[in-house]
Amino acid sequence: MSWSREEALTDPVIRNAVIFLSEFKFFLRDIPVEITMRLYRPMHSGKVVVRRSHDLRIDGVTDQPKLNCENEDQEGEVLHAAVDEMVCLYNAARSQGLAPDPSWLKPNADFK
């Protein structure tokens, strides 16, 4: 018998199986910390999820409205929404006169 990837992970003891789709690395201007974003698709689902190496947290700057991701099954849409969230917060801090600082990036403990 030939097994598909999905069939190989159907045993009841398997939980939260995902397929790795792609990885992207970048820096935010003037912050020398590399950010990694990885896209996955949960098995038995068309939805794409993103995992980030860092979250952007800036004291005194409120979170900006998040971009509505209309097509959660499209890699580009999901990636754009995740990057846009960081860029908007970064730009909001800069518009308030704050200088970029590596402390703005908080390592995501769940990122492996």
PDB file of N, CA and C in Angstrom:
ATOM      1  N   MET A   1       0.838  -1.188   0.000  1.00  0.00           N
ATOM      2  CA  MET A   1       0.000   0.000   0.000  1.00  0.00           C
ATOM      3  C   MET A   1       0.882   1.250   0.000  1.00  0.00           C
ATOM      4  N   SER A   2       0.479   2.225  -0.750  1.00  0.00           N
ATOM      5  CA  SER A   2       1.187   3.494  -0.803  1.00  0.00           C
ATOM      6  C   SER A   2       0.479   4.503   0.111  1.00  0.00           C
ATOM      7  N   TRP A   3       1.257   5.188   0.928  1.00  0.00           N
ATOM      8  CA  TRP A   3       0.707   6.147   1.883  1.00  0.00           C
ATOM      9  C   TRP A   3       0.921   7.577   1.394  1.00  0.00           C
ATOM     10  N   SER A   4      -0.075   8.418   1.559  1.00  0.00           N
ATOM     11  CA  SER A   4       0.093   9.851   1.299  1.00  0.00           C
ATOM     12  C   SER A   4       0.651  10.495   2.573  1.00  0.00           C
ATOM     13  N   ARG A   5       1.132  11.710   2.465  1.00  0.00           N
ATOM     14  CA  ARG A   5       1.625  12.419   3.653  1.00  0.00           C
ATOM     15  C   ARG A   5       0.528  12.568   4.692  1.00  0.00           C
ATOM     16  N   GLU A   6      -0.661  12.912   4.227  1.00  0.00           N
ATOM     17  CA  GLU A   6      -1.773  13.118   5.146  1.00  0.00           C
ATOM     18  C   GLU A   6      -2.162  11.824   5.850  1.00  0.00           C
ATOM     19  N   GLU A   7      -2.181  10.727   5.093  1.00  0.00           N
ATOM     20  CA  GLU A   7      -2.537   9.433   5.688  1.00  0.00           C
ATOM     21  C   GLU A   7      -1.497   8.975   6.699  1.00  0.00           C
ATOM     22  N   ALA A   8      -0.240   9.318   6.470  1.00  0.00           N
ATOM     23  CA  ALA A   8       0.831   8.890   7.362  1.00  0.00           C
ATOM     24  C   ALA A   8       0.705   9.519   8.750  1.00  0.00           C
ATOM     25  N   LEU A   9      -0.051  10.601   8.853  1.00  0.00           N
ATOM     26  CA  LEU A   9      -0.184  11.312  10.128  1.00  0.00           C
ATOM     27  C   LEU A   9      -1.609  11.255  10.677  1.00  0.00           C
ATOM     28  N   THR A  10      -2.301  10.178  10.451  1.00  0.00           N
ATOM     29  CA  THR A  10      -3.692  10.079  10.906  1.00  0.00           C
ATOM     30  C   THR A  10      -3.863   9.281  12.193  1.00  0.00           C
ATOM     31  N   ASP A  11      -2.794   8.718  12.717  1.00  0.00           N
ATOM     32  CA  ASP A  11      -2.916   7.961  13.967  1.00  0.00           C
ATOM     33  C   ASP A  11      -3.434   8.892  15.060  1.00  0.00           C
ATOM     34  N   PRO A  12      -4.337   8.422  15.908  1.00  0.00           N
ATOM     35  CA  PRO A  12      -4.930   9.276  16.947  1.00  0.00           C
ATOM     36  C   PRO A  12      -3.922   9.898  17.920  1.00  0.00           C
ATOM     37  N   VAL A  13      -2.731   9.341  18.035  1.00  0.00           N
ATOM     38  CA  VAL A  13      -1.751   9.935  18.952  1.00  0.00           C
ATOM     39  C   VAL A  13      -1.054  11.151  18.353  1.00  0.00           C
ATOM     40  N   ILE A  14      -1.172  11.366  17.059  1.00  0.00           N
ATOM     41  CA  ILE A  14      -0.549  12.521  16.394  1.00  0.00           C
ATOM     42  C   ILE A  14      -1.424  13.746  16.614  1.00  0.00           C
ATOM     43  N   ARG A  15      -0.806  14.828  17.056  1.00  0.00           N
ATOM     44  CA  ARG A  15      -1.523  16.073  17.310  1.00  0.00           C
ATOM     45  C   ARG A  15      -0.841  17.236  16.602  1.00  0.00           C
ATOM     46  N   ASN A  16      -1.612  18.148  16.096  1.00  0.00           N
ATOM     47  CA  ASN A  16      -1.131  19.426  15.550  1.00  0.00           C
ATOM     48  C   ASN A  16      -0.070  19.280  14.468  1.00  0.00           C
ATOM     49  N   ALA A  17      -0.237  18.344  13.590  1.00  0.00           N
ATOM     50  CA  ALA A  17       0.717  18.159  12.493  1.00  0.00           C
ATOM     51  C   ALA A  17       0.577  19.301  11.493  1.00  0.00           C
ATOM     52  N   VAL A  18       1.714  19.829  11.055  1.00  0.00           N
ATOM     53  CA  VAL A  18       1.743  20.907  10.070  1.00  0.00           C
ATOM     54  C   VAL A  18       2.752  20.581   8.990  1.00  0.00           C
ATOM     55  N   ILE A  19       2.555  21.168   7.829  1.00  0.00           N
ATOM     56  CA  ILE A  19       3.492  21.053   6.717  1.00  0.00           C
ATOM     57  C   ILE A  19       4.218  22.390   6.592  1.00  0.00           C
ATOM     58  N   PHE A  20       5.548  22.335   6.574  1.00  0.00           N
ATOM     59  CA  PHE A  20       6.347  23.540   6.381  1.00  0.00           C
ATOM     60  C   PHE A  20       6.220  23.986   4.931  1.00  0.00           C
ATOM     61  N   LEU A  21       5.905  25.262   4.730  1.00  0.00           N
ATOM     62  CA  LEU A  21       5.758  25.798   3.376  1.00  0.00           C
ATOM     63  C   LEU A  21       6.941  26.649   2.943  1.00  0.00           C
ATOM     64  N   SER A  22       7.305  27.623   3.779  1.00  0.00           N
ATOM     65  CA  SER A  22       8.378  28.533   3.384  1.00  0.00           C
ATOM     66  C   SER A  22       8.900  29.306   4.587  1.00  0.00           C
ATOM     67  N   GLU A  23      10.088  29.900   4.393  1.00  0.00           N
ATOM     68  CA  GLU A  23      10.723  30.679   5.452  1.00  0.00           C
ATOM     69  C   GLU A  23      11.266  31.964   4.856  1.00  0.00           C
ATOM     70  N   PHE A  24      11.137  33.046   5.624  1.00  0.00           N
ATOM     71  CA  PHE A  24      11.607  34.357   5.191  1.00  0.00           C
ATOM     72  C   PHE A  24      12.385  35.000   6.328  1.00  0.00           C
ATOM     73  N   LYS A  25      13.490  35.659   5.996  1.00  0.00           N
ATOM     74  CA  LYS A  25      14.319  36.344   6.977  1.00  0.00           C
ATOM     75  C   LYS A  25      14.503  37.787   6.521  1.00  0.00           C
ATOM     76  N   PHE A  26      14.456  38.706   7.493  1.00  0.00           N
ATOM     77  CA  PHE A  26      14.627  40.121   7.176  1.00  0.00           C
ATOM     78  C   PHE A  26      14.986  40.890   8.441  1.00  0.00           C
ATOM     79  N   PHE A  27      15.343  42.162   8.252  1.00  0.00           N
ATOM     80  CA  PHE A  27      15.627  43.086   9.348  1.00  0.00           C
ATOM     81  C   PHE A  27      14.686  44.275   9.209  1.00  0.00           C
ATOM     82  N   LEU A  28      14.314  44.872  10.319  1.00  0.00           N
ATOM     83  CA  LEU A  28      13.636  46.163  10.285  1.00  0.00           C
ATOM     84  C   LEU A  28      14.729  47.231  10.286  1.00  0.00           C
ATOM     85  N   ARG A  29      14.518  48.288   9.545  1.00  0.00           N
ATOM     86  CA  ARG A  29      15.533  49.331   9.385  1.00  0.00           C
ATOM     87  C   ARG A  29      16.091  49.778  10.737  1.00  0.00           C
ATOM     88  N   ASP A  30      17.415  49.831  10.808  1.00  0.00           N
ATOM     89  CA  ASP A  30      18.168  50.323  11.963  1.00  0.00           C
ATOM     90  C   ASP A  30      18.059  49.446  13.211  1.00  0.00           C
ATOM     91  N   ILE A  31      17.552  48.221  13.062  1.00  0.00           N
ATOM     92  CA  ILE A  31      17.548  47.266  14.175  1.00  0.00           C
ATOM     93  C   ILE A  31      18.317  46.027  13.700  1.00  0.00           C
ATOM     94  N   PRO A  32      19.492  45.776  14.289  1.00  0.00           N
ATOM     95  CA  PRO A  32      20.347  44.691  13.804  1.00  0.00           C
ATOM     96  C   PRO A  32      19.972  43.299  14.340  1.00  0.00           C
ATOM     97  N   VAL A  33      18.707  43.000  14.359  1.00  0.00           N
ATOM     98  CA  VAL A  33      18.220  41.697  14.822  1.00  0.00           C
ATOM     99  C   VAL A  33      17.467  41.041  13.666  1.00  0.00           C
ATOM    100  N   GLU A  34      17.912  39.860  13.283  1.00  0.00           N
ATOM    101  CA  GLU A  34      17.244  39.147  12.190  1.00  0.00           C
ATOM    102  C   GLU A  34      15.915  38.582  12.662  1.00  0.00           C
ATOM    103  N   ILE A  35      14.894  38.785  11.850  1.00  0.00           N
ATOM    104  CA  ILE A  35      13.549  38.272  12.115  1.00  0.00           C
ATOM    105  C   ILE A  35      13.288  37.153  11.118  1.00  0.00           C
ATOM    106  N   THR A  36      12.750  36.057  11.599  1.00  0.00           N
ATOM    107  CA  THR A  36      12.403  34.939  10.733  1.00  0.00           C
ATOM    108  C   THR A  36      10.905  34.705  10.817  1.00  0.00           C
ATOM    109  N   MET A  37      10.286  34.545   9.675  1.00  0.00           N
ATOM    110  CA  MET A  37       8.876  34.167   9.607  1.00  0.00           C
ATOM    111  C   MET A  37       8.786  32.861   8.833  1.00  0.00           C
ATOM    112  N   ARG A  38       8.065  31.908   9.405  1.00  0.00           N
ATOM    113  CA  ARG A  38       7.856  30.615   8.758  1.00  0.00           C
ATOM    114  C   ARG A  38       6.368  30.404   8.537  1.00  0.00           C
ATOM    115  N   LEU A  39       6.058  29.908   7.356  1.00  0.00           N
ATOM    116  CA  LEU A  39       4.670  29.610   7.014  1.00  0.00           C
ATOM    117  C   LEU A  39       4.449  28.112   7.017  1.00  0.00           C
ATOM    118  N   TYR A  40       3.336  27.713   7.622  1.00  0.00           N
ATOM    119  CA  TYR A  40       2.959  26.305   7.722  1.00  0.00           C
ATOM    120  C   TYR A  40       1.503  26.151   7.307  1.00  0.00           C
ATOM    121  N   ARG A  41       1.159  24.940   6.913  1.00  0.00           N
ATOM    122  CA  ARG A  41      -0.244  24.589   6.669  1.00  0.00           C
ATOM    123  C   ARG A  41      -0.553  23.393   7.561  1.00  0.00           C
ATOM    124  N   PRO A  42      -1.522  23.555   8.470  1.00  0.00           N
ATOM    125  CA  PRO A  42      -1.914  22.409   9.286  1.00  0.00           C
ATOM    126  C   PRO A  42      -2.426  21.279   8.393  1.00  0.00           C
ATOM    127  N   MET A  43      -2.082  20.054   8.768  1.00  0.00           N
ATOM    128  CA  MET A  43      -2.570  18.901   8.010  1.00  0.00           C
ATOM    129  C   MET A  43      -4.089  18.931   8.021  1.00  0.00           C
ATOM    130  N   HIS A  44      -4.671  18.536   6.936  1.00  0.00           N
ATOM    131  CA  HIS A  44      -6.123  18.445   6.811  1.00  0.00           C
ATOM    132  C   HIS A  44      -6.799  19.816   6.876  1.00  0.00           C
ATOM    133  N   SER A  45      -6.061  20.864   6.468  1.00  0.00           N
ATOM    134  CA  SER A  45      -6.611  22.213   6.440  1.00  0.00           C
ATOM    135  C   SER A  45      -5.950  22.977   5.303  1.00  0.00           C
ATOM    136  N   GLY A  46      -6.652  23.937   4.749  1.00  0.00           N
ATOM    137  CA  GLY A  46      -6.082  24.771   3.702  1.00  0.00           C
ATOM    138  C   GLY A  46      -5.525  26.069   4.248  1.00  0.00           C
ATOM    139  N   LYS A  47      -5.778  26.346   5.523  1.00  0.00           N
ATOM    140  CA  LYS A  47      -5.364  27.596   6.148  1.00  0.00           C
ATOM    141  C   LYS A  47      -3.849  27.637   6.331  1.00  0.00           C
ATOM    142  N   VAL A  48      -3.231  28.775   6.047  1.00  0.00           N
ATOM    143  CA  VAL A  48      -1.804  28.981   6.244  1.00  0.00           C
ATOM    144  C   VAL A  48      -1.617  29.743   7.553  1.00  0.00           C
ATOM    145  N   VAL A  49      -0.651  29.291   8.363  1.00  0.00           N
ATOM    146  CA  VAL A  49      -0.348  29.970   9.622  1.00  0.00           C
ATOM    147  C   VAL A  49       1.097  30.436   9.593  1.00  0.00           C
ATOM    148  N   VAL A  50       1.361  31.525  10.311  1.00  0.00           N
ATOM    149  CA  VAL A  50       2.711  32.083  10.362  1.00  0.00           C
ATOM    150  C   VAL A  50       3.242  31.967  11.789  1.00  0.00           C
ATOM    151  N   ARG A  51       4.520  31.646  11.880  1.00  0.00           N
ATOM    152  CA  ARG A  51       5.218  31.638  13.162  1.00  0.00           C
ATOM    153  C   ARG A  51       6.389  32.598  13.026  1.00  0.00           C
ATOM    154  N   ARG A  52       6.523  33.477  14.033  1.00  0.00           N
ATOM    155  CA  ARG A  52       7.556  34.518  13.991  1.00  0.00           C
ATOM    156  C   ARG A  52       8.620  34.273  15.047  1.00  0.00           C
ATOM    157  N   SER A  53       9.851  34.602  14.716  1.00  0.00           N
ATOM    158  CA  SER A  53      10.942  34.480  15.682  1.00  0.00           C
ATOM    159  C   SER A  53      10.848  35.547  16.769  1.00  0.00           C
ATOM    160  N   HIS A  54      10.279  36.692  16.424  1.00  0.00           N
ATOM    161  CA  HIS A  54      10.187  37.816  17.359  1.00  0.00           C
ATOM    162  C   HIS A  54       8.822  38.499  17.238  1.00  0.00           C
ATOM    163  N   ASP A  55       8.394  39.059  18.352  1.00  0.00           N
ATOM    164  CA  ASP A  55       7.239  39.950  18.355  1.00  0.00           C
ATOM    165  C   ASP A  55       7.770  41.359  18.540  1.00  0.00           C
ATOM    166  N   LEU A  56       7.066  42.328  17.985  1.00  0.00           N
ATOM    167  CA  LEU A  56       7.465  43.727  18.103  1.00  0.00           C
ATOM    168  C   LEU A  56       6.624  44.370  19.198  1.00  0.00           C
ATOM    169  N   ARG A  57       7.291  44.844  20.253  1.00  0.00           N
ATOM    170  CA  ARG A  57       6.627  45.507  21.374  1.00  0.00           C
ATOM    171  C   ARG A  57       7.379  46.805  21.660  1.00  0.00           C
ATOM    172  N   ILE A  58       6.644  47.904  21.630  1.00  0.00           N
ATOM    173  CA  ILE A  58       7.270  49.205  21.830  1.00  0.00           C
ATOM    174  C   ILE A  58       6.507  49.943  22.913  1.00  0.00           C
ATOM    175  N   ASP A  59       7.188  50.204  24.036  1.00  0.00           N
ATOM    176  CA  ASP A  59       6.554  50.922  25.145  1.00  0.00           C
ATOM    177  C   ASP A  59       6.049  52.282  24.675  1.00  0.00           C
ATOM    178  N   GLY A  60       4.820  52.589  25.036  1.00  0.00           N
ATOM    179  CA  GLY A  60       4.236  53.877  24.697  1.00  0.00           C
ATOM    180  C   GLY A  60       3.578  53.940  23.334  1.00  0.00           C
ATOM    181  N   VAL A  61       3.663  52.874  22.574  1.00  0.00           N
ATOM    182  CA  VAL A  61       3.037  52.846  21.251  1.00  0.00           C
ATOM    183  C   VAL A  61       1.996  51.731  21.253  1.00  0.00           C
ATOM    184  N   THR A  62       0.779  52.105  20.954  1.00  0.00           N
ATOM    185  CA  THR A  62      -0.287  51.112  20.952  1.00  0.00           C
ATOM    186  C   THR A  62      -0.258  50.299  19.662  1.00  0.00           C
ATOM    187  N   ASP A  63      -0.732  49.075  19.765  1.00  0.00           N
ATOM    188  CA  ASP A  63      -0.815  48.226  18.573  1.00  0.00           C
ATOM    189  C   ASP A  63      -1.645  48.928  17.512  1.00  0.00           C
ATOM    190  N   GLN A  64      -1.213  48.793  16.305  1.00  0.00           N
ATOM    191  CA  GLN A  64      -1.913  49.385  15.173  1.00  0.00           C
ATOM    192  C   GLN A  64      -2.996  48.423  14.694  1.00  0.00           C
ATOM    193  N   PRO A  65      -4.030  48.943  14.034  1.00  0.00           N
ATOM    194  CA  PRO A  65      -5.065  48.040  13.511  1.00  0.00           C
ATOM    195  C   PRO A  65      -4.446  46.991  12.599  1.00  0.00           C
ATOM    196  N   LYS A  66      -4.858  45.764  12.805  1.00  0.00           N
ATOM    197  CA  LYS A  66      -4.308  44.664  12.014  1.00  0.00           C
ATOM    198  C   LYS A  66      -4.990  44.599  10.654  1.00  0.00           C
ATOM    199  N   LEU A  67      -4.195  44.282   9.655  1.00  0.00           N
ATOM    200  CA  LEU A  67      -4.691  44.093   8.305  1.00  0.00           C
ATOM    201  C   LEU A  67      -5.567  42.851   8.281  1.00  0.00           C
ATOM    202  N   ASN A  68      -6.738  42.962   7.707  1.00  0.00           N
ATOM    203  CA  ASN A  68      -7.628  41.817   7.607  1.00  0.00           C
ATOM    204  C   ASN A  68      -7.138  40.887   6.501  1.00  0.00           C
ATOM    205  N   CYS A  69      -6.829  39.666   6.867  1.00  0.00           N
ATOM    206  CA  CYS A  69      -6.339  38.685   5.898  1.00  0.00           C
ATOM    207  C   CYS A  69      -7.546  37.944   5.333  1.00  0.00           C
ATOM    208  N   GLU A  70      -7.906  38.290   4.113  1.00  0.00           N
ATOM    209  CA  GLU A  70      -9.116  37.736   3.508  1.00  0.00           C
ATOM    210  C   GLU A  70      -8.937  36.306   3.017  1.00  0.00           C
ATOM    211  N   ASN A  71      -7.745  35.951   2.595  1.00  0.00           N
ATOM    212  CA  ASN A  71      -7.496  34.619   2.048  1.00  0.00           C
ATOM    213  C   ASN A  71      -6.449  33.903   2.884  1.00  0.00           C
ATOM    214  N   GLU A  72      -6.882  33.294   3.980  1.00  0.00           N
ATOM    215  CA  GLU A  72      -5.949  32.620   4.878  1.00  0.00           C
ATOM    216  C   GLU A  72      -5.373  31.345   4.275  1.00  0.00           C
ATOM    217  N   ASP A  73      -5.765  31.025   3.049  1.00  0.00           N
ATOM    218  CA  ASP A  73      -5.209  29.858   2.370  1.00  0.00           C
ATOM    219  C   ASP A  73      -4.128  30.265   1.367  1.00  0.00           C
ATOM    220  N   GLN A  74      -3.815  31.555   1.300  1.00  0.00           N
ATOM    221  CA  GLN A  74      -2.815  32.079   0.371  1.00  0.00           C
ATOM    222  C   GLN A  74      -1.568  32.513   1.137  1.00  0.00           C
ATOM    223  N   GLU A  75      -0.418  31.934   0.803  1.00  0.00           N
ATOM    224  CA  GLU A  75       0.826  32.259   1.505  1.00  0.00           C
ATOM    225  C   GLU A  75       1.125  33.757   1.477  1.00  0.00           C
ATOM    226  N   GLY A  76       1.003  34.372   0.315  1.00  0.00           N
ATOM    227  CA  GLY A  76       1.318  35.789   0.190  1.00  0.00           C
ATOM    228  C   GLY A  76       0.444  36.667   1.056  1.00  0.00           C
ATOM    229  N   GLU A  77      -0.837  36.349   1.131  1.00  0.00           N
ATOM    230  CA  GLU A  77      -1.770  37.134   1.954  1.00  0.00           C
ATOM    231  C   GLU A  77      -1.399  37.042   3.436  1.00  0.00           C
ATOM    232  N   VAL A  78      -1.132  35.836   3.890  1.00  0.00           N
ATOM    233  CA  VAL A  78      -0.809  35.621   5.306  1.00  0.00           C
ATOM    234  C   VAL A  78       0.526  36.281   5.650  1.00  0.00           C
ATOM    235  N   LEU A  79       1.519  36.116   4.793  1.00  0.00           N
ATOM    236  CA  LEU A  79       2.819  36.741   5.022  1.00  0.00           C
ATOM    237  C   LEU A  79       2.693  38.258   5.031  1.00  0.00           C
ATOM    238  N   HIS A  80       1.966  38.805   4.071  1.00  0.00           N
ATOM    239  CA  HIS A  80       1.790  40.260   4.008  1.00  0.00           C
ATOM    240  C   HIS A  80       1.135  40.791   5.279  1.00  0.00           C
ATOM    241  N   ALA A  81       0.112  40.123   5.775  1.00  0.00           N
ATOM    242  CA  ALA A  81      -0.577  40.572   6.989  1.00  0.00           C
ATOM    243  C   ALA A  81       0.372  40.560   8.183  1.00  0.00           C
ATOM    244  N   ALA A  82       1.194  39.520   8.310  1.00  0.00           N
ATOM    245  CA  ALA A  82       2.125  39.418   9.434  1.00  0.00           C
ATOM    246  C   ALA A  82       3.214  40.485   9.355  1.00  0.00           C
ATOM    247  N   VAL A  83       3.754  40.713   8.163  1.00  0.00           N
ATOM    248  CA  VAL A  83       4.794  41.731   7.991  1.00  0.00           C
ATOM    249  C   VAL A  83       4.200  43.117   8.182  1.00  0.00           C
ATOM    250  N   ASP A  84       3.018  43.352   7.635  1.00  0.00           N
ATOM    251  CA  ASP A  84       2.368  44.653   7.742  1.00  0.00           C
ATOM    252  C   ASP A  84       2.116  45.033   9.202  1.00  0.00           C
ATOM    253  N   GLU A  85       1.766  44.064  10.010  1.00  0.00           N
ATOM    254  CA  GLU A  85       1.538  44.323  11.431  1.00  0.00           C
ATOM    255  C   GLU A  85       2.801  44.897  12.081  1.00  0.00           C
ATOM    256  N   MET A  86       3.953  44.307  11.778  1.00  0.00           N
ATOM    257  CA  MET A  86       5.219  44.787  12.340  1.00  0.00           C
ATOM    258  C   MET A  86       5.597  46.155  11.766  1.00  0.00           C
ATOM    259  N   VAL A  87       5.457  46.302  10.462  1.00  0.00           N
ATOM    260  CA  VAL A  87       5.844  47.544   9.794  1.00  0.00           C
ATOM    261  C   VAL A  87       4.989  48.717  10.291  1.00  0.00           C
ATOM    262  N   CYS A  88       3.707  48.512  10.450  1.00  0.00           N
ATOM    263  CA  CYS A  88       2.826  49.593  10.916  1.00  0.00           C
ATOM    264  C   CYS A  88       3.190  50.041  12.331  1.00  0.00           C
ATOM    265  N   LEU A  89       3.489  49.081  13.215  1.00  0.00           N
ATOM    266  CA  LEU A  89       3.874  49.431  14.578  1.00  0.00           C
ATOM    267  C   LEU A  89       5.231  50.149  14.572  1.00  0.00           C
ATOM    268  N   TYR A  90       6.170  49.654  13.795  1.00  0.00           N
ATOM    269  CA  TYR A  90       7.482  50.287  13.663  1.00  0.00           C
ATOM    270  C   TYR A  90       7.318  51.729  13.173  1.00  0.00           C
ATOM    271  N   ASN A  91       6.527  51.918  12.121  1.00  0.00           N
ATOM    272  CA  ASN A  91       6.328  53.258  11.561  1.00  0.00           C
ATOM    273  C   ASN A  91       5.607  54.182  12.534  1.00  0.00           C
ATOM    274  N   ALA A  92       4.682  53.653  13.314  1.00  0.00           N
ATOM    275  CA  ALA A  92       3.985  54.464  14.318  1.00  0.00           C
ATOM    276  C   ALA A  92       4.979  54.966  15.370  1.00  0.00           C
ATOM    277  N   ALA A  93       5.887  54.111  15.794  1.00  0.00           N
ATOM    278  CA  ALA A  93       6.900  54.523  16.773  1.00  0.00           C
ATOM    279  C   ALA A  93       7.822  55.583  16.181  1.00  0.00           C
ATOM    280  N   ARG A  94       8.236  55.378  14.945  1.00  0.00           N
ATOM    281  CA  ARG A  94       9.116  56.352  14.291  1.00  0.00           C
ATOM    282  C   ARG A  94       8.411  57.697  14.126  1.00  0.00           C
ATOM    283  N   SER A  95       7.108  57.668  13.810  1.00  0.00           N
ATOM    284  CA  SER A  95       6.376  58.929  13.634  1.00  0.00           C
ATOM    285  C   SER A  95       6.217  59.683  14.955  1.00  0.00           C
ATOM    286  N   GLN A  96       6.355  58.971  16.081  1.00  0.00           N
ATOM    287  CA  GLN A  96       6.311  59.613  17.397  1.00  0.00           C
ATOM    288  C   GLN A  96       7.702  60.086  17.832  1.00  0.00           C
ATOM    289  N   GLY A  97       8.674  59.939  16.943  1.00  0.00           N
ATOM    290  CA  GLY A  97      10.023  60.411  17.225  1.00  0.00           C
ATOM    291  C   GLY A  97      10.904  59.419  17.959  1.00  0.00           C
ATOM    292  N   LEU A  98      10.460  58.189  18.115  1.00  0.00           N
ATOM    293  CA  LEU A  98      11.263  57.184  18.804  1.00  0.00           C
ATOM    294  C   LEU A  98      12.341  56.634  17.870  1.00  0.00           C
ATOM    295  N   ALA A  99      13.515  56.412  18.418  1.00  0.00           N
ATOM    296  CA  ALA A  99      14.617  55.839  17.644  1.00  0.00           C
ATOM    297  C   ALA A  99      14.528  54.318  17.705  1.00  0.00           C
ATOM    298  N   PRO A 100      14.729  53.641  16.589  1.00  0.00           N
ATOM    299  CA  PRO A 100      14.676  52.175  16.582  1.00  0.00           C
ATOM    300  C   PRO A 100      15.646  51.584  17.608  1.00  0.00           C
ATOM    301  N   ASP A 101      15.199  50.528  18.271  1.00  0.00           N
ATOM    302  CA  ASP A 101      16.014  49.915  19.303  1.00  0.00           C
ATOM    303  C   ASP A 101      15.825  48.402  19.269  1.00  0.00           C
ATOM    304  N   PRO A 102      16.903  47.634  19.419  1.00  0.00           N
ATOM    305  CA  PRO A 102      16.771  46.173  19.425  1.00  0.00           C
ATOM    306  C   PRO A 102      15.830  45.657  20.506  1.00  0.00           C
ATOM    307  N   SER A 103      15.648  46.422  21.581  1.00  0.00           N
ATOM    308  CA  SER A 103      14.747  45.986  22.660  1.00  0.00           C
ATOM    309  C   SER A 103      13.288  45.938  22.207  1.00  0.00           C
ATOM    310  N   TRP A 104      12.987  46.541  21.080  1.00  0.00           N
ATOM    311  CA  TRP A 104      11.621  46.473  20.549  1.00  0.00           C
ATOM    312  C   TRP A 104      11.254  45.052  20.136  1.00  0.00           C
ATOM    313  N   LEU A 105      12.262  44.264  19.779  1.00  0.00           N
ATOM    314  CA  LEU A 105      12.008  42.886  19.325  1.00  0.00           C
ATOM    315  C   LEU A 105      12.143  41.923  20.496  1.00  0.00           C
ATOM    316  N   LYS A 106      11.059  41.237  20.786  1.00  0.00           N
ATOM    317  CA  LYS A 106      11.023  40.263  21.870  1.00  0.00           C
ATOM    318  C   LYS A 106      11.023  38.867  21.272  1.00  0.00           C
ATOM    319  N   PRO A 107      12.029  38.033  21.609  1.00  0.00           N
ATOM    320  CA  PRO A 107      12.061  36.678  21.080  1.00  0.00           C
ATOM    321  C   PRO A 107      10.781  35.925  21.426  1.00  0.00           C
ATOM    322  N   ASN A 108      10.260  35.212  20.471  1.00  0.00           N
ATOM    323  CA  ASN A 108       9.048  34.429  20.671  1.00  0.00           C
ATOM    324  C   ASN A 108       9.463  33.069  21.230  1.00  0.00           C
ATOM    325  N   ALA A 109       9.091  32.787  22.462  1.00  0.00           N
ATOM    326  CA  ALA A 109       9.499  31.545  23.134  1.00  0.00           C
ATOM    327  C   ALA A 109       8.966  30.307  22.436  1.00  0.00           C
ATOM    328  N   ASP A 110       7.875  30.430  21.690  1.00  0.00           N
ATOM    329  CA  ASP A 110       7.286  29.288  21.010  1.00  0.00           C
ATOM    330  C   ASP A 110       7.926  29.008  19.656  1.00  0.00           C
ATOM    331  N   PHE A 111       8.829  29.876  19.225  1.00  0.00           N
ATOM    332  CA  PHE A 111       9.464  29.709  17.912  1.00  0.00           C
ATOM    333  C   PHE A 111      10.620  28.737  18.035  1.00  0.00           C
ATOM    334  N   LYS A 112      10.610  27.736  17.198  1.00  0.00           N
ATOM    335  CA  LYS A 112      11.680  26.718  17.239  1.00  0.00           C
ATOM    336  C   LYS A 112      12.279  26.564  15.887  1.00  0.00           C
TER     337      LYS A 112
END
